[in-house]
N, C-alpha and C. Protein backbone atom coordinates (compact mmCIF):
# COMPACT_ATOMS: atom_id res chain seq x y z
N MET A 1 0.81 -1.19 0.00
CA MET A 1 0.00 0.00 0.00
C MET A 1 0.86 1.26 0.00
N VAL A 2 1.97 1.24 0.63
CA VAL A 2 2.86 2.39 0.64
C VAL A 2 3.39 2.65 -0.76
N VAL A 3 3.67 1.61 -1.50
CA VAL A 3 4.18 1.74 -2.86
C VAL A 3 3.12 2.41 -3.74
N VAL A 4 1.87 2.03 -3.60
CA VAL A 4 0.79 2.59 -4.40
C VAL A 4 0.62 4.07 -4.10
N GLU A 5 0.65 4.45 -2.84
CA GLU A 5 0.51 5.86 -2.47
C GLU A 5 1.68 6.68 -3.03
N GLY A 6 2.88 6.15 -2.95
CA GLY A 6 4.04 6.85 -3.49
C GLY A 6 3.93 7.01 -4.99
N HIS A 7 3.44 5.99 -5.67
CA HIS A 7 3.27 6.04 -7.13
C HIS A 7 2.17 7.04 -7.51
N GLN A 8 1.10 7.09 -6.73
CA GLN A 8 0.02 8.03 -7.01
C GLN A 8 0.47 9.48 -6.80
N GLN A 9 1.35 9.70 -5.87
CA GLN A 9 1.85 11.05 -5.63
C GLN A 9 2.77 11.50 -6.77
N GLU A 10 3.46 10.59 -7.41
CA GLU A 10 4.35 10.95 -8.50
C GLU A 10 3.56 11.38 -9.73
N LYS A 11 2.41 10.75 -10.00
CA LYS A 11 1.61 11.09 -11.18
C LYS A 11 1.17 12.55 -11.17
N PRO A 12 0.57 13.05 -10.09
CA PRO A 12 0.19 14.46 -10.09
C PRO A 12 1.41 15.38 -10.25
N SER A 13 2.51 15.00 -9.64
CA SER A 13 3.71 15.82 -9.75
C SER A 13 4.21 15.85 -11.19
N THR A 14 4.21 14.70 -11.86
CA THR A 14 4.62 14.63 -13.26
C THR A 14 3.64 15.39 -14.13
N PHE A 15 2.36 15.23 -13.87
CA PHE A 15 1.33 15.94 -14.64
C PHE A 15 1.49 17.45 -14.48
N LEU A 16 1.68 17.90 -13.25
CA LEU A 16 1.85 19.33 -13.01
C LEU A 16 3.11 19.85 -13.68
N SER A 17 4.16 19.06 -13.68
CA SER A 17 5.39 19.45 -14.34
C SER A 17 5.17 19.60 -15.84
N LEU A 18 4.49 18.63 -16.44
CA LEU A 18 4.20 18.70 -17.87
C LEU A 18 3.27 19.87 -18.19
N LEU A 19 2.29 20.07 -17.34
CA LEU A 19 1.37 21.18 -17.53
C LEU A 19 2.11 22.52 -17.43
N SER A 20 3.02 22.61 -16.49
CA SER A 20 3.82 23.83 -16.34
C SER A 20 4.70 24.07 -17.57
N LYS A 21 5.31 23.01 -18.08
CA LYS A 21 6.15 23.14 -19.28
C LYS A 21 5.31 23.58 -20.47
N LEU A 22 4.13 22.98 -20.61
CA LEU A 22 3.23 23.34 -21.70
C LEU A 22 2.81 24.81 -21.59
N PHE A 23 2.45 25.22 -20.40
CA PHE A 23 2.06 26.61 -20.17
C PHE A 23 3.19 27.56 -20.53
N ASN A 24 4.40 27.26 -20.09
CA ASN A 24 5.55 28.12 -20.39
C ASN A 24 5.83 28.18 -21.89
N LEU A 25 5.70 27.05 -22.57
CA LEU A 25 5.89 27.02 -24.01
C LEU A 25 4.85 27.88 -24.72
N LEU A 26 3.59 27.72 -24.34
CA LEU A 26 2.53 28.52 -24.95
C LEU A 26 2.71 30.01 -24.65
N LYS A 27 3.11 30.31 -23.44
CA LYS A 27 3.34 31.71 -23.06
C LYS A 27 4.46 32.32 -23.90
N GLN A 28 5.54 31.57 -24.10
CA GLN A 28 6.67 32.05 -24.90
C GLN A 28 6.26 32.26 -26.36
N ARG A 29 5.49 31.33 -26.89
CA ARG A 29 5.03 31.47 -28.28
C ARG A 29 4.11 32.67 -28.44
N LEU A 30 3.22 32.84 -27.49
CA LEU A 30 2.32 33.98 -27.53
C LEU A 30 3.11 35.29 -27.46
N PHE A 31 4.07 35.34 -26.56
CA PHE A 31 4.90 36.54 -26.43
C PHE A 31 5.64 36.83 -27.72
N THR A 32 6.20 35.79 -28.34
CA THR A 32 6.92 35.96 -29.61
C THR A 32 5.97 36.46 -30.70
N ASN A 33 4.79 35.87 -30.77
CA ASN A 33 3.80 36.31 -31.76
C ASN A 33 3.37 37.75 -31.53
N LEU A 34 3.18 38.12 -30.28
CA LEU A 34 2.81 39.50 -29.97
C LEU A 34 3.92 40.48 -30.35
N GLN A 35 5.16 40.10 -30.12
CA GLN A 35 6.27 40.95 -30.50
C GLN A 35 6.31 41.14 -32.02
N GLN A 36 6.10 40.06 -32.75
CA GLN A 36 6.10 40.14 -34.21
C GLN A 36 4.95 41.01 -34.70
N GLU A 37 3.80 40.86 -34.09
CA GLU A 37 2.64 41.67 -34.47
C GLU A 37 2.89 43.14 -34.16
N TYR A 38 3.52 43.41 -33.03
CA TYR A 38 3.84 44.79 -32.65
C TYR A 38 4.77 45.43 -33.68
N VAL A 39 5.80 44.70 -34.08
CA VAL A 39 6.74 45.21 -35.09
C VAL A 39 6.00 45.47 -36.40
N SER A 40 5.13 44.56 -36.77
CA SER A 40 4.35 44.73 -38.01
C SER A 40 3.47 45.97 -37.94
N LEU A 41 2.82 46.18 -36.81
CA LEU A 41 1.98 47.37 -36.65
C LEU A 41 2.79 48.65 -36.65
N GLN A 42 3.96 48.62 -36.04
CA GLN A 42 4.83 49.81 -36.06
C GLN A 42 5.25 50.14 -37.49
N GLU A 43 5.58 49.13 -38.28
CA GLU A 43 5.95 49.35 -39.68
C GLU A 43 4.77 49.92 -40.45
N LEU A 44 3.58 49.43 -40.18
CA LEU A 44 2.38 49.92 -40.84
C LEU A 44 2.14 51.39 -40.49
N LEU A 45 2.32 51.74 -39.23
CA LEU A 45 2.15 53.13 -38.81
C LEU A 45 3.16 54.06 -39.49
N VAL A 46 4.38 53.62 -39.61
CA VAL A 46 5.40 54.42 -40.29
C VAL A 46 5.00 54.61 -41.76
N ASP A 47 4.51 53.56 -42.38
CA ASP A 47 4.08 53.64 -43.77
C ASP A 47 2.92 54.63 -43.92
N TRP A 48 1.92 54.54 -43.04
CA TRP A 48 0.79 55.47 -43.09
C TRP A 48 1.25 56.90 -42.87
N ASP A 49 2.15 57.08 -41.90
CA ASP A 49 2.67 58.42 -41.61
C ASP A 49 3.35 59.00 -42.84
N ASP A 50 4.16 58.20 -43.51
CA ASP A 50 4.83 58.67 -44.73
C ASP A 50 3.82 59.04 -45.81
N LYS A 51 2.82 58.20 -45.99
CA LYS A 51 1.80 58.47 -47.02
C LYS A 51 1.01 59.73 -46.71
N LEU A 52 0.63 59.90 -45.44
CA LEU A 52 -0.12 61.10 -45.05
C LEU A 52 0.74 62.36 -45.19
N THR A 53 2.01 62.25 -44.86
CA THR A 53 2.91 63.39 -45.01
C THR A 53 3.05 63.76 -46.49
N GLN A 54 3.20 62.77 -47.34
CA GLN A 54 3.31 63.04 -48.78
C GLN A 54 2.02 63.65 -49.34
N ARG A 55 0.91 63.16 -48.88
CA ARG A 55 -0.37 63.61 -49.44
C ARG A 55 -0.79 64.98 -48.92
N TYR A 56 -0.63 65.21 -47.60
CA TYR A 56 -1.16 66.43 -47.01
C TYR A 56 -0.08 67.43 -46.58
N GLY A 57 1.15 66.99 -46.54
CA GLY A 57 2.27 67.89 -46.25
C GLY A 57 2.16 68.63 -44.93
N GLU A 58 2.23 69.95 -45.00
CA GLU A 58 2.27 70.80 -43.80
C GLU A 58 0.99 70.71 -42.97
N ARG A 59 -0.14 70.54 -43.63
CA ARG A 59 -1.41 70.42 -42.88
C ARG A 59 -1.37 69.20 -41.96
N TYR A 60 -0.88 68.09 -42.47
CA TYR A 60 -0.80 66.88 -41.65
C TYR A 60 0.19 67.07 -40.51
N THR A 61 1.30 67.71 -40.79
CA THR A 61 2.31 67.96 -39.76
C THR A 61 1.73 68.83 -38.64
N GLN A 62 0.94 69.83 -39.00
CA GLN A 62 0.32 70.70 -37.99
C GLN A 62 -0.69 69.94 -37.13
N VAL A 63 -1.41 69.01 -37.72
CA VAL A 63 -2.38 68.22 -36.97
C VAL A 63 -1.65 67.20 -36.09
N LYS A 64 -0.56 66.66 -36.61
CA LYS A 64 0.18 65.62 -35.89
C LYS A 64 0.94 66.17 -34.68
N GLN A 65 1.38 67.41 -34.74
CA GLN A 65 2.21 67.99 -33.68
C GLN A 65 1.55 67.95 -32.30
N PRO A 66 0.31 68.41 -32.15
CA PRO A 66 -0.31 68.33 -30.81
C PRO A 66 -0.44 66.89 -30.30
N TRP A 67 -0.69 65.96 -31.22
CA TRP A 67 -0.80 64.55 -30.83
C TRP A 67 0.53 64.05 -30.28
N GLN A 68 1.64 64.40 -30.95
CA GLN A 68 2.95 63.98 -30.48
C GLN A 68 3.28 64.62 -29.12
N THR A 69 2.89 65.87 -28.95
CA THR A 69 3.11 66.55 -27.68
C THR A 69 2.34 65.86 -26.56
N ALA A 70 1.10 65.47 -26.84
CA ALA A 70 0.29 64.77 -25.84
C ALA A 70 0.91 63.42 -25.49
N GLN A 71 1.42 62.71 -26.49
CA GLN A 71 2.06 61.41 -26.23
C GLN A 71 3.30 61.58 -25.36
N GLU A 72 4.10 62.57 -25.65
CA GLU A 72 5.32 62.82 -24.87
C GLU A 72 4.97 63.19 -23.43
N SER A 73 3.95 64.04 -23.27
CA SER A 73 3.52 64.44 -21.93
C SER A 73 3.01 63.23 -21.15
N TYR A 74 2.23 62.38 -21.80
CA TYR A 74 1.72 61.17 -21.16
C TYR A 74 2.87 60.28 -20.71
N GLN A 75 3.84 60.08 -21.59
CA GLN A 75 4.98 59.20 -21.26
C GLN A 75 5.78 59.77 -20.10
N GLN A 76 6.00 61.08 -20.08
CA GLN A 76 6.74 61.71 -18.98
C GLN A 76 6.00 61.54 -17.66
N THR A 77 4.68 61.75 -17.68
CA THR A 77 3.88 61.59 -16.47
C THR A 77 3.89 60.14 -16.00
N LYS A 78 3.78 59.22 -16.92
CA LYS A 78 3.81 57.79 -16.60
C LYS A 78 5.15 57.42 -15.96
N ASP A 79 6.25 57.92 -16.53
CA ASP A 79 7.58 57.64 -15.97
C ASP A 79 7.72 58.20 -14.57
N LYS A 80 7.22 59.43 -14.34
CA LYS A 80 7.28 60.04 -13.01
C LYS A 80 6.54 59.19 -11.98
N ILE A 81 5.35 58.76 -12.35
CA ILE A 81 4.53 57.97 -11.42
C ILE A 81 5.21 56.64 -11.11
N GLN A 82 5.81 56.01 -12.12
CA GLN A 82 6.50 54.75 -11.89
C GLN A 82 7.71 54.93 -10.97
N LYS A 83 8.32 56.10 -11.01
CA LYS A 83 9.46 56.39 -10.13
C LYS A 83 9.00 56.79 -8.74
N GLY A 84 7.70 56.97 -8.55
CA GLY A 84 7.18 57.34 -7.24
C GLY A 84 7.10 58.84 -7.05
N GLU A 85 7.38 59.61 -8.08
CA GLU A 85 7.28 61.07 -7.99
C GLU A 85 5.82 61.49 -8.10
N PRO A 86 5.45 62.61 -7.49
CA PRO A 86 4.06 63.04 -7.59
C PRO A 86 3.74 63.52 -9.01
N SER A 87 2.52 63.25 -9.45
CA SER A 87 2.11 63.69 -10.78
C SER A 87 1.83 65.19 -10.76
N THR A 88 1.66 65.77 -11.93
CA THR A 88 1.37 67.19 -12.03
C THR A 88 0.06 67.51 -11.33
N THR A 89 -0.92 66.65 -11.47
CA THR A 89 -2.22 66.84 -10.81
C THR A 89 -2.05 66.85 -9.29
N GLU A 90 -1.26 65.93 -8.76
CA GLU A 90 -1.02 65.88 -7.31
C GLU A 90 -0.29 67.14 -6.84
N GLN A 91 0.63 67.64 -7.66
CA GLN A 91 1.34 68.87 -7.31
C GLN A 91 0.38 70.06 -7.26
N TYR A 92 -0.51 70.16 -8.26
CA TYR A 92 -1.51 71.24 -8.26
C TYR A 92 -2.45 71.13 -7.07
N GLN A 93 -2.84 69.93 -6.73
CA GLN A 93 -3.71 69.72 -5.58
C GLN A 93 -3.03 70.16 -4.28
N ALA A 94 -1.75 69.82 -4.17
CA ALA A 94 -1.00 70.21 -2.96
C ALA A 94 -0.90 71.72 -2.85
N VAL A 95 -0.64 72.40 -3.96
CA VAL A 95 -0.56 73.86 -3.97
C VAL A 95 -1.92 74.46 -3.61
N ALA A 96 -2.99 73.91 -4.18
CA ALA A 96 -4.35 74.42 -3.89
C ALA A 96 -4.70 74.22 -2.42
N GLN A 97 -4.30 73.08 -1.85
CA GLN A 97 -4.57 72.83 -0.43
C GLN A 97 -3.77 73.80 0.45
N ASP A 98 -2.53 74.07 0.06
CA ASP A 98 -1.72 75.02 0.82
C ASP A 98 -2.33 76.42 0.77
N LYS A 99 -2.81 76.81 -0.39
CA LYS A 99 -3.45 78.15 -0.52
C LYS A 99 -4.74 78.20 0.28
N ALA A 100 -5.50 77.11 0.26
CA ALA A 100 -6.77 77.08 0.98
C ALA A 100 -6.52 77.09 2.49
N ALA A 101 -5.44 76.45 2.92
CA ALA A 101 -5.13 76.39 4.35
C ALA A 101 -4.56 77.72 4.83
N GLY A 102 -3.87 78.43 3.96
CA GLY A 102 -3.18 79.65 4.37
C GLY A 102 -3.91 80.85 4.07
């Protein structure tokens, strides 16, 4: 009976090991596919940007500029928050609270 119990305990362990390996393999393949798709989308965006620049010239550049500024501002704010620094909104709130208190 001890042999049977020991053998039964090995099966779940082997199954879990195989399941873990399968999961890791699928995760790696998915990650690789997502990376390839991301690169493909980036190339597509560059192509569209070139075509829009050729077609609309300065008008497109003027429309695109505020969008790029917003993206840069978002990225800077995101980086600050990840570093634990207060966001611009939190800074304004702190100043407003100081003015209200004083």
